[in-house]
Amino acid sequence: MKYKYLGRTGVQVSELCFGTMSFGEDADEETSEQMYRRCREAGINFFDCANVYAGGQSEELLGKFIATEREQVVITSKVYFPTGNDPNARGASRRNIQMAVEKSLRRLQTDWIDIYFIHHFDEHTPIEETLRSLDDLVRQGKIIYPAVSNFSAWQIMKALGISHYEQLARFEVIQPMYNLVKRQAEVEILPLAQAEGLAVTPYSPLGGGLLTGKYAREQVPEVGRLKSSKMYEIRYGEEWMYTAATDFAEFARSHGYTPASLAVAWVAHHPAVTTPIIGARNLAQLEDSLQAVELEMTEELYEQISALTPRPAVATDRSEER
């Protein structure tokens, strides 16, 4: 396992990050701990979490697992999505951020969260309020680096501008969705990250399981995230995606790779990407993704894989002049 600098922070993280969304939900405590220990054995020191995962159980389990080695791991959590029926238990307001971070700290059994994400853009709260709230948490030592997930490029850039002007702790890490069938991040988000020195930790490199080789044009398994989750069914339900997934799986196997390891390696190869977030429900699934670090991704191989799906349109229509 290699280690990379997390943007301009000076913190080094493993070239793979493990996402703990399955902890306490798809994976029971015993399986979750087995996966955590296997990640640590493989050299992973970076673990992604959120306050809404498994209704808070993911944070509780992660906190339990890291208790004896807190200073050796880098962890994240997030705030935005609803955590209950209370209409104010959601969003990126100062009130919700302050209450949510305290609950996350207790569940994680830690005094600080290394990277704290705003999980989604909050159109009902001025971004200035959110940024000031995060800056206060940095000054209090409760979080170290503010971050964002699922923001568009203009939203990220607006926040960076305000942080600079107001002398507030800026976003240092961004977390977009990115995989072979979801490539919108290539248009503006990834170039923005390179220009501004932001770390990029993309999630869903396997497309919710679509790119693992289990799904084909004429044969969709009855069990799996794409069948059990309406969100994932909508996200990855277009027919062309299944065609692309079939072509990709055939390509991977014909070249001697497992589709999962090749899909993760493809995401990791983009020059803007710091570390993809891998996930698993069991040890067998985890092993496939861990193999990505052993795979030599040449430029030729990268381009062959990239050609299997459409490149997104450029950011401006005036592209004929260089």
Protein backbone atom coordinates (compact mmCIF):
# COMPACT_ATOMS: atom_id res chain seq x y z
CA MET A 1 0.00 0.00 0.00
CA LYS A 2 1.33 3.41 -0.97
CA TYR A 3 0.51 6.68 0.77
CA LYS A 4 -0.40 10.00 -0.82
CA TYR A 5 -0.68 13.53 0.47
CA LEU A 6 -4.26 14.59 1.08
CA GLY A 7 -4.35 17.68 -1.10
CA ARG A 8 -2.23 20.41 0.46
CA THR A 9 -2.89 19.34 4.08
CA GLY A 10 0.40 17.55 4.68
CA VAL A 11 -1.52 14.48 5.91
CA GLN A 12 -0.69 11.18 4.22
CA VAL A 13 -3.42 8.65 3.54
CA SER A 14 -3.45 5.22 1.96
CA GLU A 15 -4.07 4.99 -1.78
CA LEU A 16 -7.37 3.30 -0.98
CA CYS A 17 -9.95 4.54 1.52
CA PHE A 18 -12.47 2.14 3.01
CA GLY A 19 -16.09 3.28 3.15
CA THR A 20 -17.92 2.03 6.22
CA MET A 21 -21.51 2.41 4.98
CA SER A 22 -22.04 -1.35 5.31
CA PHE A 23 -21.04 -1.40 9.00
CA GLY A 24 -24.11 -2.30 11.05
CA GLU A 25 -26.34 -2.65 7.99
CA ASP A 26 -25.24 -5.08 5.25
CA ALA A 27 -22.45 -6.32 7.53
CA ASP A 28 -22.97 -7.32 11.15
CA GLU A 29 -20.49 -6.34 13.84
CA GLU A 30 -18.31 -9.43 13.44
CA THR A 31 -18.05 -9.08 9.65
CA SER A 32 -17.49 -5.32 9.96
CA GLU A 33 -14.60 -5.86 12.35
CA GLN A 34 -13.10 -8.52 10.08
CA MET A 35 -13.15 -6.06 7.18
CA TYR A 36 -11.67 -3.29 9.32
CA ARG A 37 -8.83 -5.56 10.48
CA ARG A 38 -8.18 -6.75 6.92
CA CYS A 39 -7.97 -3.14 5.74
CA ARG A 40 -5.48 -2.31 8.45
CA GLU A 41 -3.47 -5.43 7.60
CA ALA A 42 -3.39 -4.27 3.97
CA GLY A 43 -2.09 -0.85 5.05
CA ILE A 44 -5.27 1.23 4.81
CA ASN A 45 -5.27 4.09 7.31
CA PHE A 46 -8.20 6.05 5.87
CA PHE A 47 -11.84 5.29 6.75
CA ASP A 48 -14.91 7.14 5.48
CA CYS A 49 -18.14 7.36 7.46
CA ALA A 50 -21.29 9.48 7.88
CA ASN A 51 -23.82 10.18 10.61
CA VAL A 52 -26.65 8.68 8.55
CA TYR A 53 -25.01 5.35 7.75
CA ALA A 54 -27.04 2.55 9.37
CA GLY A 55 -28.78 5.12 11.55
CA GLY A 56 -25.52 5.96 13.34
CA GLN A 57 -24.39 2.36 13.85
CA SER A 58 -21.58 2.71 11.31
CA GLU A 59 -20.04 5.48 13.40
CA GLU A 60 -20.48 3.46 16.58
CA LEU A 61 -18.75 0.41 15.14
CA LEU A 62 -15.96 2.42 13.54
CA GLY A 63 -15.39 4.18 16.86
CA LYS A 64 -15.15 0.85 18.62
CA PHE A 65 -12.65 -0.55 16.10
CA ILE A 66 -10.31 2.47 16.11
CA ALA A 67 -10.32 2.93 19.89
CA THR A 68 -6.86 1.44 20.46
CA GLU A 69 -5.22 3.13 17.46
CA ARG A 70 -7.01 6.44 17.03
CA GLU A 71 -3.87 8.41 16.22
CA GLN A 72 -2.85 5.97 13.48
CA VAL A 73 -6.02 6.36 11.39
CA VAL A 74 -7.67 9.19 9.48
CA ILE A 75 -11.46 9.17 9.70
CA THR A 76 -14.28 11.18 8.19
CA SER A 77 -17.90 11.84 8.95
CA LYS A 78 -20.64 13.90 7.35
CA VAL A 79 -23.65 16.07 8.07
CA TYR A 80 -26.68 17.13 6.00
CA PHE A 81 -29.18 14.32 5.41
CA PRO A 82 -32.09 13.81 7.87
CA THR A 83 -31.28 11.86 11.03
CA GLY A 84 -34.83 11.79 12.40
CA ASN A 85 -38.36 13.18 12.11
CA ASP A 86 -37.43 16.55 13.61
CA PRO A 87 -37.60 19.04 10.71
CA ASN A 88 -34.40 20.67 12.01
CA ALA A 89 -32.38 17.44 12.22
CA ARG A 90 -31.05 17.99 8.72
CA GLY A 91 -29.24 20.49 6.53
CA ALA A 92 -26.06 22.54 6.89
CA SER A 93 -27.31 25.20 9.30
CA ARG A 94 -25.12 26.25 12.22
CA ARG A 95 -27.62 24.63 14.59
CA ASN A 96 -27.67 21.24 12.89
CA ILE A 97 -23.92 21.16 12.30
CA GLN A 98 -23.22 21.93 15.97
CA MET A 99 -25.62 19.27 17.22
CA ALA A 100 -24.61 16.66 14.62
CA VAL A 101 -20.88 16.90 15.23
CA GLU A 102 -21.32 16.39 18.97
CA LYS A 103 -23.37 13.25 18.35
CA SER A 104 -20.82 11.95 15.84
CA LEU A 105 -17.95 12.55 18.26
CA ARG A 106 -19.76 10.53 20.93
CA ARG A 107 -20.57 7.66 18.58
CA LEU A 108 -17.01 7.60 17.25
CA GLN A 109 -15.59 7.79 20.80
CA THR A 110 -13.08 10.42 19.73
CA ASP A 111 -12.20 14.02 20.53
CA TRP A 112 -11.81 15.01 16.90
CA ILE A 113 -12.88 14.11 13.36
CA ASP A 114 -10.08 14.45 10.82
CA ILE A 115 -12.26 15.34 7.82
CA TYR A 116 -15.82 16.58 8.21
CA PHE A 117 -17.98 16.66 5.09
CA ILE A 118 -21.03 18.67 4.25
CA HIS A 119 -22.82 15.74 2.62
CA HIS A 120 -24.85 17.79 0.13
CA PHE A 121 -25.31 21.44 -0.85
CA ASP A 122 -27.94 23.13 1.32
CA GLU A 123 -29.92 25.58 -0.77
CA HIS A 124 -31.84 26.81 2.28
CA THR A 125 -28.79 27.92 4.29
CA PRO A 126 -26.37 30.66 3.23
CA ILE A 127 -23.01 29.07 2.48
CA GLU A 128 -21.41 31.78 4.64
CA GLU A 129 -23.22 30.40 7.71
CA THR A 130 -22.05 26.87 6.95
CA LEU A 131 -18.45 27.95 6.42
CA ARG A 132 -18.34 30.02 9.61
CA SER A 133 -19.76 27.08 11.57
CA LEU A 134 -17.10 24.74 10.20
CA ASP A 135 -14.38 27.29 10.91
CA ASP A 136 -15.56 27.49 14.53
CA LEU A 137 -15.31 23.69 14.82
CA VAL A 138 -11.76 23.80 13.44
CA ARG A 139 -10.81 26.44 16.01
CA GLN A 140 -12.39 24.33 18.76
CA GLY A 141 -10.39 21.29 17.63
CA LYS A 142 -13.48 19.17 17.03
CA ILE A 143 -12.76 18.82 13.31
CA ILE A 144 -9.46 19.31 11.52
CA TYR A 145 -10.39 19.82 7.85
CA PRO A 146 -13.75 20.86 6.37
CA ALA A 147 -14.81 19.02 3.22
CA VAL A 148 -17.73 18.61 0.82
CA SER A 149 -19.49 15.77 -0.93
CA ASN A 150 -21.89 16.01 -3.87
CA PHE A 151 -21.24 19.71 -4.56
CA SER A 152 -21.07 21.03 -8.10
CA ALA A 153 -17.97 22.86 -9.29
CA TRP A 154 -19.53 26.33 -8.99
CA GLN A 155 -20.68 25.59 -5.45
CA ILE A 156 -17.20 24.46 -4.43
CA MET A 157 -15.56 27.47 -6.07
CA LYS A 158 -18.00 29.91 -4.48
CA ALA A 159 -17.22 28.44 -1.06
CA LEU A 160 -13.47 28.62 -1.67
CA GLY A 161 -13.78 32.27 -2.65
CA ILE A 162 -15.75 33.15 0.48
CA SER A 163 -13.33 31.22 2.70
CA HIS A 164 -10.39 33.10 1.20
CA TYR A 165 -12.04 36.50 1.51
CA GLU A 166 -13.30 35.91 5.07
CA GLN A 167 -10.13 34.10 6.21
CA LEU A 168 -12.03 30.93 7.12
CA ALA A 169 -10.83 27.33 7.08
CA ARG A 170 -11.47 26.24 3.51
CA PHE A 171 -12.67 22.94 2.08
CA GLU A 172 -9.60 20.72 1.62
CA VAL A 173 -11.25 17.52 0.39
CA ILE A 174 -14.05 16.89 -2.09
CA GLN A 175 -15.97 13.67 -2.56
CA PRO A 176 -17.76 13.33 -5.91
CA MET A 177 -19.41 10.27 -7.39
CA TYR A 178 -17.06 8.91 -10.05
CA ASN A 179 -16.83 5.67 -12.00
CA LEU A 180 -16.77 4.38 -15.56
CA VAL A 181 -20.49 5.06 -16.14
CA LYS A 182 -20.68 8.25 -14.04
CA ARG A 183 -18.04 10.57 -15.49
CA GLN A 184 -19.53 14.04 -15.05
CA ALA A 185 -16.79 14.90 -12.53
CA GLU A 186 -14.26 14.90 -15.38
CA VAL A 187 -15.78 18.06 -16.88
CA GLU A 188 -15.23 20.64 -14.14
CA ILE A 189 -14.92 19.09 -10.67
CA LEU A 190 -11.67 17.18 -11.21
CA PRO A 191 -9.95 20.04 -13.10
CA LEU A 192 -11.04 22.40 -10.31
CA ALA A 193 -9.49 20.11 -7.71
CA GLN A 194 -6.19 20.07 -9.59
CA ALA A 195 -6.18 23.85 -9.97
CA GLU A 196 -6.99 24.52 -6.30
CA GLY A 197 -4.96 21.76 -4.66
CA LEU A 198 -7.97 19.88 -3.33
CA ALA A 199 -7.84 16.22 -2.38
CA VAL A 200 -10.37 14.04 -4.22
CA THR A 201 -11.84 10.92 -2.63
CA PRO A 202 -14.44 9.68 -5.13
CA TYR A 203 -17.13 7.28 -4.00
CA SER A 204 -18.89 4.46 -5.85
CA PRO A 205 -15.97 3.36 -8.08
CA LEU A 206 -17.87 0.11 -8.70
CA GLY A 207 -21.09 1.86 -9.67
CA GLY A 208 -23.09 0.34 -6.82
CA GLY A 209 -21.93 -3.12 -7.90
CA LEU A 210 -22.73 -2.59 -11.59
CA LEU A 211 -19.05 -2.86 -12.57
CA THR A 212 -18.27 -6.01 -10.56
CA GLY A 213 -19.25 -8.36 -13.38
CA LYS A 214 -22.45 -9.57 -11.67
CA TYR A 215 -24.73 -7.56 -13.92
CA ALA A 216 -25.14 -8.26 -17.63
CA ARG A 217 -27.42 -7.17 -20.45
CA GLU A 218 -29.66 -10.22 -20.32
CA GLN A 219 -29.08 -11.42 -16.77
CA VAL A 220 -29.62 -9.22 -13.74
CA PRO A 221 -29.32 -11.02 -10.37
CA GLU A 222 -32.27 -10.86 -7.99
CA VAL A 223 -30.01 -10.02 -5.04
CA GLY A 224 -27.82 -6.91 -4.96
CA ARG A 225 -27.84 -3.20 -4.27
CA LEU A 226 -29.16 -2.37 -7.72
CA LYS A 227 -32.22 -4.52 -7.03
CA SER A 228 -32.76 -3.82 -3.33
CA SER A 229 -32.25 -0.04 -3.35
CA LYS A 230 -34.53 2.29 -5.30
CA MET A 231 -31.85 4.99 -5.15
CA TYR A 232 -29.25 2.78 -6.83
CA GLU A 233 -31.81 1.43 -9.29
CA ILE A 234 -32.52 4.97 -10.45
CA ARG A 235 -28.85 5.98 -10.41
CA TYR A 236 -27.67 3.04 -12.50
CA GLY A 237 -30.84 1.97 -14.25
CA GLU A 238 -30.21 3.16 -17.81
CA GLU A 239 -29.93 0.39 -20.39
CA TRP A 240 -26.66 1.67 -21.87
CA MET A 241 -25.03 1.32 -18.47
CA TYR A 242 -25.74 -2.41 -18.37
CA THR A 243 -24.33 -2.73 -21.88
CA ALA A 244 -21.20 -0.86 -20.83
CA ALA A 245 -20.90 -2.96 -17.67
CA THR A 246 -21.10 -6.16 -19.73
CA ASP A 247 -18.47 -4.92 -22.18
CA PHE A 248 -16.24 -3.84 -19.32
CA ALA A 249 -16.51 -7.18 -17.51
CA GLU A 250 -15.66 -9.06 -20.70
CA PHE A 251 -12.70 -6.74 -21.31
CA ALA A 252 -11.42 -7.18 -17.74
CA ARG A 253 -11.60 -10.95 -17.78
CA SER A 254 -10.06 -11.23 -21.23
CA HIS A 255 -7.05 -9.30 -19.91
CA GLY A 256 -6.75 -11.40 -16.76
CA TYR A 257 -8.27 -8.97 -14.25
CA THR A 258 -11.28 -9.13 -11.98
CA PRO A 259 -13.78 -6.42 -13.02
CA ALA A 260 -13.89 -4.93 -9.49
CA SER A 261 -10.14 -4.45 -9.16
CA LEU A 262 -9.88 -2.98 -12.66
CA ALA A 263 -12.78 -0.57 -12.05
CA VAL A 264 -11.15 0.75 -8.87
CA ALA A 265 -7.74 1.02 -10.54
CA TRP A 266 -9.27 3.00 -13.44
CA VAL A 267 -10.74 5.57 -11.04
CA ALA A 268 -7.50 5.78 -9.07
CA HIS A 269 -5.47 6.47 -12.21
CA HIS A 270 -7.03 9.87 -12.91
CA PRO A 271 -4.39 12.47 -11.97
CA ALA A 272 -6.84 14.46 -9.83
CA VAL A 273 -7.87 11.49 -7.71
CA THR A 274 -6.19 11.07 -4.33
CA THR A 275 -7.80 7.85 -3.13
CA PRO A 276 -10.96 6.04 -4.24
CA ILE A 277 -13.38 4.93 -1.55
CA ILE A 278 -13.93 1.19 -1.72
CA GLY A 279 -16.75 -0.60 0.05
CA ALA A 280 -17.77 -4.17 0.74
CA ARG A 281 -20.37 -6.27 2.51
CA ASN A 282 -17.98 -9.13 3.24
CA LEU A 283 -14.31 -10.13 3.07
CA ALA A 284 -14.60 -11.71 -0.38
CA GLN A 285 -15.86 -8.47 -1.91
CA LEU A 286 -13.18 -6.52 -0.07
CA GLU A 287 -10.36 -8.68 -1.46
CA ASP A 288 -11.35 -7.89 -5.06
CA SER A 289 -11.06 -4.14 -4.43
CA LEU A 290 -7.81 -4.47 -2.48
CA GLN A 291 -6.23 -6.10 -5.52
CA ALA A 292 -6.52 -2.78 -7.36
CA VAL A 293 -3.26 -1.53 -5.81
CA GLU A 294 -1.37 -4.47 -7.34
CA LEU A 295 -2.63 -3.73 -10.84
CA GLU A 296 -0.38 -1.83 -13.25
CA MET A 297 -2.59 0.72 -14.98
CA THR A 298 -0.71 1.78 -18.11
CA GLU A 299 -1.85 4.72 -20.21
CA GLU A 300 -2.80 2.32 -23.01
CA LEU A 301 -4.93 0.21 -20.68
CA TYR A 302 -6.51 3.31 -19.18
CA GLU A 303 -7.49 4.64 -22.60
CA GLN A 304 -8.89 1.29 -23.70
CA ILE A 305 -11.13 1.19 -20.65
CA SER A 306 -12.13 4.84 -21.03
CA ALA A 307 -13.25 4.15 -24.59
CA LEU A 308 -15.91 1.72 -23.34
CA THR A 309 -18.18 4.56 -22.14
CA PRO A 310 -18.98 8.03 -23.53
CA ARG A 311 -16.81 10.91 -22.42
CA PRO A 312 -18.98 13.72 -21.03
CA ALA A 313 -19.34 16.90 -23.04
CA VAL A 314 -16.86 19.69 -22.37
CA ALA A 315 -17.81 22.58 -20.09
CA THR A 316 -18.27 25.13 -22.85
CA ASP A 317 -19.66 24.93 -26.37
CA ARG A 318 -16.85 27.16 -27.68
CA SER A 319 -14.25 24.39 -27.95
CA GLU A 320 -13.16 24.49 -31.57
CA GLU A 321 -10.35 26.95 -30.87
CA ARG A 322 -7.35 25.95 -28.78
